[in-house]
Amino acid sequence: MQQRQHIFFIFKEAINNIVKYASAKKTTVQLQKKEGNIVLLIRDDGVGFDMNEIHSGNGLINMQQRAELVKGRLVISAKKNEGTSIQLQLPIA
């Protein structure tokens, strides 16, 4: 149950960040089983950001910590003016 909660909070934080910061016109969410993993992919076409310029807030750090707690891997890709993608891979237990 705790694993589900961590996954839900990662998803919730990603969507919250899109709503608050991205100014996105389109957001896609994919959930699939792939090569022994569950893969959650969230993408937006918003303003993006430079990962090196993030100084405030704990949202991205909390997402990374939650992914580690469920033995998953979180990959965040962002480019200014090109949107953001967040991919969470979890091994199927």
PDB file of N, CA and C in Angstrom:
ATOM      1  N   MET A   1       0.815  -1.194   0.000  1.00  0.00           N
ATOM      2  CA  MET A   1       0.000   0.000   0.000  1.00  0.00           C
ATOM      3  C   MET A   1       0.864   1.266   0.000  1.00  0.00           C
ATOM      4  N   GLN A   2       1.963   1.232   0.742  1.00  0.00           N
ATOM      5  CA  GLN A   2       2.835   2.400   0.796  1.00  0.00           C
ATOM      6  C   GLN A   2       3.470   2.664  -0.577  1.00  0.00           C
ATOM      7  N   GLN A   3       3.788   1.599  -1.308  1.00  0.00           N
ATOM      8  CA  GLN A   3       4.344   1.769  -2.649  1.00  0.00           C
ATOM      9  C   GLN A   3       3.343   2.501  -3.541  1.00  0.00           C
ATOM     10  N   ARG A   4       2.094   2.127  -3.483  1.00  0.00           N
ATOM     11  CA  ARG A   4       1.061   2.797  -4.275  1.00  0.00           C
ATOM     12  C   ARG A   4       0.958   4.274  -3.907  1.00  0.00           C
ATOM     13  N   GLN A   5       1.077   4.561  -2.630  1.00  0.00           N
ATOM     14  CA  GLN A   5       0.988   5.947  -2.171  1.00  0.00           C
ATOM     15  C   GLN A   5       2.145   6.780  -2.727  1.00  0.00           C
ATOM     16  N   HIS A   6       3.356   6.223  -2.715  1.00  0.00           N
ATOM     17  CA  HIS A   6       4.504   6.942  -3.258  1.00  0.00           C
ATOM     18  C   HIS A   6       4.319   7.197  -4.758  1.00  0.00           C
ATOM     19  N   ILE A   7       3.847   6.218  -5.481  1.00  0.00           N
ATOM     20  CA  ILE A   7       3.614   6.369  -6.922  1.00  0.00           C
ATOM     21  C   ILE A   7       2.557   7.443  -7.162  1.00  0.00           C
ATOM     22  N   PHE A   8       1.481   7.396  -6.394  1.00  0.00           N
ATOM     23  CA  PHE A   8       0.427   8.399  -6.532  1.00  0.00           C
ATOM     24  C   PHE A   8       0.964   9.806  -6.273  1.00  0.00           C
ATOM     25  N   PHE A   9       1.786   9.969  -5.240  1.00  0.00           N
ATOM     26  CA  PHE A   9       2.306  11.303  -4.928  1.00  0.00           C
ATOM     27  C   PHE A   9       3.298  11.803  -5.981  1.00  0.00           C
ATOM     28  N   ILE A  10       4.042  10.906  -6.607  1.00  0.00           N
ATOM     29  CA  ILE A  10       4.902  11.308  -7.726  1.00  0.00           C
ATOM     30  C   ILE A  10       4.028  11.825  -8.858  1.00  0.00           C
ATOM     31  N   PHE A  11       2.981  11.076  -9.195  1.00  0.00           N
ATOM     32  CA  PHE A  11       2.051  11.482 -10.249  1.00  0.00           C
ATOM     33  C   PHE A  11       1.408  12.826  -9.911  1.00  0.00           C
ATOM     34  N   LYS A  12       0.939  12.952  -8.679  1.00  0.00           N
ATOM     35  CA  LYS A  12       0.267  14.174  -8.244  1.00  0.00           C
ATOM     36  C   LYS A  12       1.200  15.383  -8.326  1.00  0.00           C
ATOM     37  N   GLU A  13       2.438  15.227  -7.896  1.00  0.00           N
ATOM     38  CA  GLU A  13       3.401  16.329  -7.941  1.00  0.00           C
ATOM     39  C   GLU A  13       3.696  16.730  -9.386  1.00  0.00           C
ATOM     40  N   ALA A  14       3.831  15.748 -10.262  1.00  0.00           N
ATOM     41  CA  ALA A  14       4.092  16.055 -11.670  1.00  0.00           C
ATOM     42  C   ALA A  14       2.940  16.846 -12.276  1.00  0.00           C
ATOM     43  N   ILE A  15       1.711  16.428 -12.035  1.00  0.00           N
ATOM     44  CA  ILE A  15       0.542  17.131 -12.572  1.00  0.00           C
ATOM     45  C   ILE A  15       0.422  18.514 -11.942  1.00  0.00           C
ATOM     46  N   ASN A  16       0.655  18.606 -10.650  1.00  0.00           N
ATOM     47  CA  ASN A  16       0.606  19.895  -9.962  1.00  0.00           C
ATOM     48  C   ASN A  16       1.624  20.874 -10.573  1.00  0.00           C
ATOM     49  N   ASN A  17       2.830  20.395 -10.851  1.00  0.00           N
ATOM     50  CA  ASN A  17       3.853  21.248 -11.452  1.00  0.00           C
ATOM     51  C   ASN A  17       3.444  21.721 -12.840  1.00  0.00           C
ATOM     52  N   ILE A  18       2.810  20.855 -13.607  1.00  0.00           N
ATOM     53  CA  ILE A  18       2.338  21.248 -14.939  1.00  0.00           C
ATOM     54  C   ILE A  18       1.307  22.359 -14.815  1.00  0.00           C
ATOM     55  N   VAL A  19       0.353  22.179 -13.915  1.00  0.00           N
ATOM     56  CA  VAL A  19      -0.712  23.173 -13.741  1.00  0.00           C
ATOM     57  C   VAL A  19      -0.140  24.505 -13.252  1.00  0.00           C
ATOM     58  N   LYS A  20       0.787  24.462 -12.292  1.00  0.00           N
ATOM     59  CA  LYS A  20       1.298  25.691 -11.689  1.00  0.00           C
ATOM     60  C   LYS A  20       2.326  26.426 -12.544  1.00  0.00           C
ATOM     61  N   TYR A  21       3.175  25.681 -13.261  1.00  0.00           N
ATOM     62  CA  TYR A  21       4.339  26.321 -13.863  1.00  0.00           C
ATOM     63  C   TYR A  21       4.471  26.190 -15.378  1.00  0.00           C
ATOM     64  N   ALA A  22       3.896  25.171 -15.986  1.00  0.00           N
ATOM     65  CA  ALA A  22       4.248  24.833 -17.367  1.00  0.00           C
ATOM     66  C   ALA A  22       3.573  25.684 -18.437  1.00  0.00           C
ATOM     67  N   SER A  23       2.401  26.230 -18.153  1.00  0.00           N
ATOM     68  CA  SER A  23       1.619  26.913 -19.193  1.00  0.00           C
ATOM     69  C   SER A  23       1.442  26.011 -20.412  1.00  0.00           C
ATOM     70  N   ALA A  24       1.200  24.750 -20.160  1.00  0.00           N
ATOM     71  CA  ALA A  24       1.094  23.753 -21.228  1.00  0.00           C
ATOM     72  C   ALA A  24      -0.270  23.808 -21.905  1.00  0.00           C
ATOM     73  N   LYS A  25      -0.267  23.525 -23.189  1.00  0.00           N
ATOM     74  CA  LYS A  25      -1.510  23.373 -23.938  1.00  0.00           C
ATOM     75  C   LYS A  25      -1.897  21.908 -24.026  1.00  0.00           C
ATOM     76  N   LYS A  26      -0.905  21.028 -23.934  1.00  0.00           N
ATOM     77  CA  LYS A  26      -1.165  19.599 -24.060  1.00  0.00           C
ATOM     78  C   LYS A  26      -0.311  18.836 -23.051  1.00  0.00           C
ATOM     79  N   THR A  27      -0.941  17.888 -22.380  1.00  0.00           N
ATOM     80  CA  THR A  27      -0.256  16.998 -21.454  1.00  0.00           C
ATOM     81  C   THR A  27      -0.683  15.580 -21.775  1.00  0.00           C
ATOM     82  N   THR A  28       0.259  14.665 -21.828  1.00  0.00           N
ATOM     83  CA  THR A  28      -0.071  13.258 -22.050  1.00  0.00           C
ATOM     84  C   THR A  28       0.434  12.434 -20.874  1.00  0.00           C
ATOM     85  N   VAL A  29      -0.348  11.409 -20.547  1.00  0.00           N
ATOM     86  CA  VAL A  29       0.018  10.477 -19.487  1.00  0.00           C
ATOM     87  C   VAL A  29      -0.080   9.076 -20.071  1.00  0.00           C
ATOM     88  N   GLN A  30       1.007   8.320 -19.954  1.00  0.00           N
ATOM     89  CA  GLN A  30       1.021   6.936 -20.422  1.00  0.00           C
ATOM     90  C   GLN A  30       1.421   6.041 -19.262  1.00  0.00           C
ATOM     91  N   LEU A  31       0.760   4.921 -19.160  1.00  0.00           N
ATOM     92  CA  LEU A  31       1.105   3.910 -18.174  1.00  0.00           C
ATOM     93  C   LEU A  31       1.147   2.586 -18.913  1.00  0.00           C
ATOM     94  N   GLN A  32       2.300   1.925 -18.865  1.00  0.00           N
ATOM     95  CA  GLN A  32       2.417   0.677 -19.605  1.00  0.00           C
ATOM     96  C   GLN A  32       3.335  -0.313 -18.896  1.00  0.00           C
ATOM     97  N   LYS A  33       3.171  -1.562 -19.273  1.00  0.00           N
ATOM     98  CA  LYS A  33       4.052  -2.624 -18.805  1.00  0.00           C
ATOM     99  C   LYS A  33       5.078  -2.839 -19.911  1.00  0.00           C
ATOM    100  N   LYS A  34       6.354  -2.744 -19.546  1.00  0.00           N
ATOM    101  CA  LYS A  34       7.401  -2.823 -20.555  1.00  0.00           C
ATOM    102  C   LYS A  34       8.635  -3.499 -19.968  1.00  0.00           C
ATOM    103  N   GLU A  35       9.036  -4.618 -20.545  1.00  0.00           N
ATOM    104  CA  GLU A  35      10.268  -5.311 -20.161  1.00  0.00           C
ATOM    105  C   GLU A  35      10.401  -5.532 -18.662  1.00  0.00           C
ATOM    106  N   GLY A  36       9.363  -6.075 -18.045  1.00  0.00           N
ATOM    107  CA  GLY A  36       9.409  -6.365 -16.616  1.00  0.00           C
ATOM    108  C   GLY A  36       9.264  -5.160 -15.708  1.00  0.00           C
ATOM    109  N   ASN A  37       8.855  -4.038 -16.270  1.00  0.00           N
ATOM    110  CA  ASN A  37       8.671  -2.818 -15.491  1.00  0.00           C
ATOM    111  C   ASN A  37       7.297  -2.223 -15.753  1.00  0.00           C
ATOM    112  N   ILE A  38       6.845  -1.453 -14.804  1.00  0.00           N
ATOM    113  CA  ILE A  38       5.719  -0.547 -15.012  1.00  0.00           C
ATOM    114  C   ILE A  38       6.350   0.798 -15.331  1.00  0.00           C
ATOM    115  N   VAL A  39       5.896   1.428 -16.415  1.00  0.00           N
ATOM    116  CA  VAL A  39       6.471   2.704 -16.835  1.00  0.00           C
ATOM    117  C   VAL A  39       5.357   3.750 -16.869  1.00  0.00           C
ATOM    118  N   LEU A  40       5.556   4.809 -16.106  1.00  0.00           N
ATOM    119  CA  LEU A  40       4.654   5.953 -16.098  1.00  0.00           C
ATOM    120  C   LEU A  40       5.391   7.097 -16.783  1.00  0.00           C
ATOM    121  N   LEU A  41       4.794   7.642 -17.848  1.00  0.00           N
ATOM    122  CA  LEU A  41       5.398   8.735 -18.595  1.00  0.00           C
ATOM    123  C   LEU A  41       4.417   9.890 -18.658  1.00  0.00           C
ATOM    124  N   ILE A  42       4.854  11.038 -18.199  1.00  0.00           N
ATOM    125  CA  ILE A  42       4.032  12.249 -18.204  1.00  0.00           C
ATOM    126  C   ILE A  42       4.801  13.302 -18.996  1.00  0.00           C
ATOM    127  N   ARG A  43       4.169  13.831 -20.042  1.00  0.00           N
ATOM    128  CA  ARG A  43       4.818  14.840 -20.895  1.00  0.00           C
ATOM    129  C   ARG A  43       3.922  16.051 -21.040  1.00  0.00           C
ATOM    130  N   ASP A  44       4.564  17.212 -21.167  1.00  0.00           N
ATOM    131  CA  ASP A  44       3.805  18.421 -21.481  1.00  0.00           C
ATOM    132  C   ASP A  44       4.551  19.231 -22.530  1.00  0.00           C
ATOM    133  N   ASP A  45       3.815  20.129 -23.175  1.00  0.00           N
ATOM    134  CA  ASP A  45       4.408  20.986 -24.198  1.00  0.00           C
ATOM    135  C   ASP A  45       4.573  22.414 -23.682  1.00  0.00           C
ATOM    136  N   GLY A  46       4.781  22.530 -22.399  1.00  0.00           N
ATOM    137  CA  GLY A  46       4.848  23.848 -21.765  1.00  0.00           C
ATOM    138  C   GLY A  46       6.182  24.542 -21.912  1.00  0.00           C
ATOM    139  N   VAL A  47       6.428  25.475 -21.019  1.00  0.00           N
ATOM    140  CA  VAL A  47       7.602  26.340 -21.102  1.00  0.00           C
ATOM    141  C   VAL A  47       8.896  25.633 -20.736  1.00  0.00           C
ATOM    142  N   GLY A  48       8.810  24.487 -20.104  1.00  0.00           N
ATOM    143  CA  GLY A  48      10.018  23.768 -19.713  1.00  0.00           C
ATOM    144  C   GLY A  48      10.825  24.558 -18.696  1.00  0.00           C
ATOM    145  N   PHE A  49      12.028  24.079 -18.421  1.00  0.00           N
ATOM    146  CA  PHE A  49      12.908  24.763 -17.483  1.00  0.00           C
ATOM    147  C   PHE A  49      14.310  24.207 -17.625  1.00  0.00           C
ATOM    148  N   ASP A  50      15.262  24.916 -17.053  1.00  0.00           N
ATOM    149  CA  ASP A  50      16.650  24.473 -17.011  1.00  0.00           C
ATOM    150  C   ASP A  50      16.858  23.810 -15.658  1.00  0.00           C
ATOM    151  N   MET A  51      17.191  22.528 -15.654  1.00  0.00           N
ATOM    152  CA  MET A  51      17.356  21.783 -14.406  1.00  0.00           C
ATOM    153  C   MET A  51      18.422  22.423 -13.506  1.00  0.00           C
ATOM    154  N   ASN A  52      19.385  23.109 -14.085  1.00  0.00           N
ATOM    155  CA  ASN A  52      20.454  23.728 -13.305  1.00  0.00           C
ATOM    156  C   ASN A  52      20.026  25.029 -12.643  1.00  0.00           C
ATOM    157  N   GLU A  53      18.868  25.551 -13.028  1.00  0.00           N
ATOM    158  CA  GLU A  53      18.413  26.829 -12.481  1.00  0.00           C
ATOM    159  C   GLU A  53      17.313  26.684 -11.439  1.00  0.00           C
ATOM    160  N   ILE A  54      16.961  25.480 -11.068  1.00  0.00           N
ATOM    161  CA  ILE A  54      15.918  25.254 -10.072  1.00  0.00           C
ATOM    162  C   ILE A  54      16.533  25.421  -8.684  1.00  0.00           C
ATOM    163  N   HIS A  55      16.002  26.383  -7.915  1.00  0.00           N
ATOM    164  CA  HIS A  55      16.568  26.658  -6.599  1.00  0.00           C
ATOM    165  C   HIS A  55      15.545  26.588  -5.467  1.00  0.00           C
ATOM    166  N   SER A  56      14.286  26.730  -5.777  1.00  0.00           N
ATOM    167  CA  SER A  56      13.300  26.761  -4.691  1.00  0.00           C
ATOM    168  C   SER A  56      12.365  25.564  -4.795  1.00  0.00           C
ATOM    169  N   GLY A  57      11.775  25.227  -3.685  1.00  0.00           N
ATOM    170  CA  GLY A  57      10.807  24.147  -3.665  1.00  0.00           C
ATOM    171  C   GLY A  57      11.468  22.789  -3.536  1.00  0.00           C
ATOM    172  N   ASN A  58      10.680  21.844  -3.090  1.00  0.00           N
ATOM    173  CA  ASN A  58      11.187  20.490  -2.861  1.00  0.00           C
ATOM    174  C   ASN A  58      10.499  19.456  -3.733  1.00  0.00           C
ATOM    175  N   GLY A  59       9.608  19.885  -4.621  1.00  0.00           N
ATOM    176  CA  GLY A  59       8.813  18.937  -5.391  1.00  0.00           C
ATOM    177  C   GLY A  59       9.623  17.936  -6.170  1.00  0.00           C
ATOM    178  N   LEU A  60      10.607  18.375  -6.937  1.00  0.00           N
ATOM    179  CA  LEU A  60      11.413  17.459  -7.742  1.00  0.00           C
ATOM    180  C   LEU A  60      12.263  16.553  -6.858  1.00  0.00           C
ATOM    181  N   ILE A  61      12.791  17.107  -5.778  1.00  0.00           N
ATOM    182  CA  ILE A  61      13.586  16.304  -4.843  1.00  0.00           C
ATOM    183  C   ILE A  61      12.712  15.237  -4.196  1.00  0.00           C
ATOM    184  N   ASN A  62      11.516  15.619  -3.762  1.00  0.00           N
ATOM    185  CA  ASN A  62      10.601  14.659  -3.146  1.00  0.00           C
ATOM    186  C   ASN A  62      10.218  13.549  -4.115  1.00  0.00           C
ATOM    187  N   MET A  63      10.004  13.901  -5.388  1.00  0.00           N
ATOM    188  CA  MET A  63       9.670  12.887  -6.393  1.00  0.00           C
ATOM    189  C   MET A  63      10.817  11.888  -6.524  1.00  0.00           C
ATOM    190  N   GLN A  64      12.044  12.382  -6.579  1.00  0.00           N
ATOM    191  CA  GLN A  64      13.216  11.518  -6.707  1.00  0.00           C
ATOM    192  C   GLN A  64      13.353  10.596  -5.492  1.00  0.00           C
ATOM    193  N   GLN A  65      13.145  11.142  -4.306  1.00  0.00           N
ATOM    194  CA  GLN A  65      13.241  10.341  -3.082  1.00  0.00           C
ATOM    195  C   GLN A  65      12.157   9.273  -3.036  1.00  0.00           C
ATOM    196  N   ARG A  66      10.951   9.622  -3.446  1.00  0.00           N
ATOM    197  CA  ARG A  66       9.863   8.639  -3.468  1.00  0.00           C
ATOM    198  C   ARG A  66      10.162   7.520  -4.459  1.00  0.00           C
ATOM    199  N   ALA A  67      10.722   7.867  -5.605  1.00  0.00           N
ATOM    200  CA  ALA A  67      11.075   6.849  -6.604  1.00  0.00           C
ATOM    201  C   ALA A  67      12.102   5.873  -6.018  1.00  0.00           C
ATOM    202  N   GLU A  68      13.077   6.397  -5.309  1.00  0.00           N
ATOM    203  CA  GLU A  68      14.086   5.540  -4.686  1.00  0.00           C
ATOM    204  C   GLU A  68      13.467   4.624  -3.632  1.00  0.00           C
ATOM    205  N   LEU A  69      12.506   5.127  -2.875  1.00  0.00           N
ATOM    206  CA  LEU A  69      11.859   4.321  -1.838  1.00  0.00           C
ATOM    207  C   LEU A  69      11.110   3.125  -2.411  1.00  0.00           C
ATOM    208  N   VAL A  70      10.621   3.257  -3.646  1.00  0.00           N
ATOM    209  CA  VAL A  70       9.890   2.138  -4.269  1.00  0.00           C
ATOM    210  C   VAL A  70      10.792   1.383  -5.238  1.00  0.00           C
ATOM    211  N   LYS A  71      12.105   1.621  -5.131  1.00  0.00           N
ATOM    212  CA  LYS A  71      13.107   0.953  -5.963  1.00  0.00           C
ATOM    213  C   LYS A  71      12.882   1.207  -7.449  1.00  0.00           C
ATOM    214  N   GLY A  72      12.425   2.424  -7.722  1.00  0.00           N
ATOM    215  CA  GLY A  72      12.181   2.830  -9.099  1.00  0.00           C
ATOM    216  C   GLY A  72      13.261   3.784  -9.575  1.00  0.00           C
ATOM    217  N   ARG A  73      13.110   4.169 -10.821  1.00  0.00           N
ATOM    218  CA  ARG A  73      14.044   5.124 -11.429  1.00  0.00           C
ATOM    219  C   ARG A  73      13.223   6.253 -12.021  1.00  0.00           C
ATOM    220  N   LEU A  74      13.544   7.472 -11.646  1.00  0.00           N
ATOM    221  CA  LEU A  74      12.838   8.651 -12.134  1.00  0.00           C
ATOM    222  C   LEU A  74      13.781   9.444 -13.020  1.00  0.00           C
ATOM    223  N   VAL A  75      13.329   9.720 -14.235  1.00  0.00           N
ATOM    224  CA  VAL A  75      14.112  10.506 -15.177  1.00  0.00           C
ATOM    225  C   VAL A  75      13.286  11.730 -15.556  1.00  0.00           C
ATOM    226  N   ILE A  76      13.835  12.903 -15.300  1.00  0.00           N
ATOM    227  CA  ILE A  76      13.167  14.159 -15.634  1.00  0.00           C
ATOM    228  C   ILE A  76      13.973  14.823 -16.743  1.00  0.00           C
ATOM    229  N   SER A  77      13.297  15.111 -17.852  1.00  0.00           N
ATOM    230  CA  SER A  77      13.937  15.787 -18.980  1.00  0.00           C
ATOM    231  C   SER A  77      13.169  17.070 -19.250  1.00  0.00           C
ATOM    232  N   ALA A  78      13.885  18.171 -19.310  1.00  0.00           N
ATOM    233  CA  ALA A  78      13.237  19.450 -19.557  1.00  0.00           C
ATOM    234  C   ALA A  78      14.166  20.347 -20.357  1.00  0.00           C
ATOM    235  N   LYS A  79      13.563  21.117 -21.244  1.00  0.00           N
ATOM    236  CA  LYS A  79      14.285  22.137 -21.992  1.00  0.00           C
ATOM    237  C   LYS A  79      13.411  23.372 -22.033  1.00  0.00           C
ATOM    238  N   LYS A  80      14.036  24.511 -21.863  1.00  0.00           N
ATOM    239  CA  LYS A  80      13.267  25.755 -21.922  1.00  0.00           C
ATOM    240  C   LYS A  80      12.539  25.845 -23.255  1.00  0.00           C
ATOM    241  N   ASN A  81      11.263  26.217 -23.176  1.00  0.00           N
ATOM    242  CA  ASN A  81      10.380  26.402 -24.333  1.00  0.00           C
ATOM    243  C   ASN A  81      10.100  25.132 -25.125  1.00  0.00           C
ATOM    244  N   GLU A  82      10.450  23.965 -24.575  1.00  0.00           N
ATOM    245  CA  GLU A  82      10.197  22.705 -25.272  1.00  0.00           C
ATOM    246  C   GLU A  82       9.448  21.697 -24.412  1.00  0.00           C
ATOM    247  N   GLY A  83       9.073  22.064 -23.216  1.00  0.00           N
ATOM    248  CA  GLY A  83       8.295  21.164 -22.379  1.00  0.00           C
ATOM    249  C   GLY A  83       9.142  20.298 -21.465  1.00  0.00           C
ATOM    250  N   THR A  84       8.447  19.410 -20.796  1.00  0.00           N
ATOM    251  CA  THR A  84       9.056  18.553 -19.784  1.00  0.00           C
ATOM    252  C   THR A  84       8.500  17.146 -19.907  1.00  0.00           C
ATOM    253  N   SER A  85       9.328  16.158 -19.623  1.00  0.00           N
ATOM    254  CA  SER A  85       8.840  14.781 -19.522  1.00  0.00           C
ATOM    255  C   SER A  85       9.388  14.176 -18.238  1.00  0.00           C
ATOM    256  N   ILE A  86       8.538  13.398 -17.605  1.00  0.00           N
ATOM    257  CA  ILE A  86       8.890  12.708 -16.376  1.00  0.00           C
ATOM    258  C   ILE A  86       8.570  11.241 -16.588  1.00  0.00           C
ATOM    259  N   GLN A  87       9.582  10.414 -16.420  1.00  0.00           N
ATOM    260  CA  GLN A  87       9.387   8.980 -16.608  1.00  0.00           C
ATOM    261  C   GLN A  87       9.767   8.254 -15.325  1.00  0.00           C
ATOM    262  N   LEU A  88       8.840   7.439 -14.844  1.00  0.00           N
ATOM    263  CA  LEU A  88       9.059   6.615 -13.660  1.00  0.00           C
ATOM    264  C   LEU A  88       9.021   5.157 -14.094  1.00  0.00           C
ATOM    265  N   GLN A  89      10.089   4.423 -13.810  1.00  0.00           N
ATOM    266  CA  GLN A  89      10.145   2.997 -14.099  1.00  0.00           C
ATOM    267  C   GLN A  89      10.207   2.231 -12.791  1.00  0.00           C
ATOM    268  N   LEU A  90       9.331   1.256 -12.663  1.00  0.00           N
ATOM    269  CA  LEU A  90       9.286   0.444 -11.452  1.00  0.00           C
ATOM    270  C   LEU A  90       9.351  -1.019 -11.819  1.00  0.00           C
ATOM    271  N   PRO A  91      10.187  -1.800 -11.151  1.00  0.00           N
ATOM    272  CA  PRO A  91      10.192  -3.232 -11.421  1.00  0.00           C
ATOM    273  C   PRO A  91       8.891  -3.867 -10.945  1.00  0.00           C
ATOM    274  N   ILE A  92       8.401  -4.803 -11.740  1.00  0.00           N
ATOM    275  CA  ILE A  92       7.180  -5.518 -11.354  1.00  0.00           C
ATOM    276  C   ILE A  92       7.564  -6.547 -10.308  1.00  0.00           C
ATOM    277  N   ALA A  93       6.878  -6.474  -9.175  1.00  0.00           N
ATOM    278  CA  ALA A  93       7.195  -7.383  -8.056  1.00  0.00           C
ATOM    279  C   ALA A  93       6.530  -8.720  -8.242  1.00  0.00           C
TER     280      ALA A  93
END
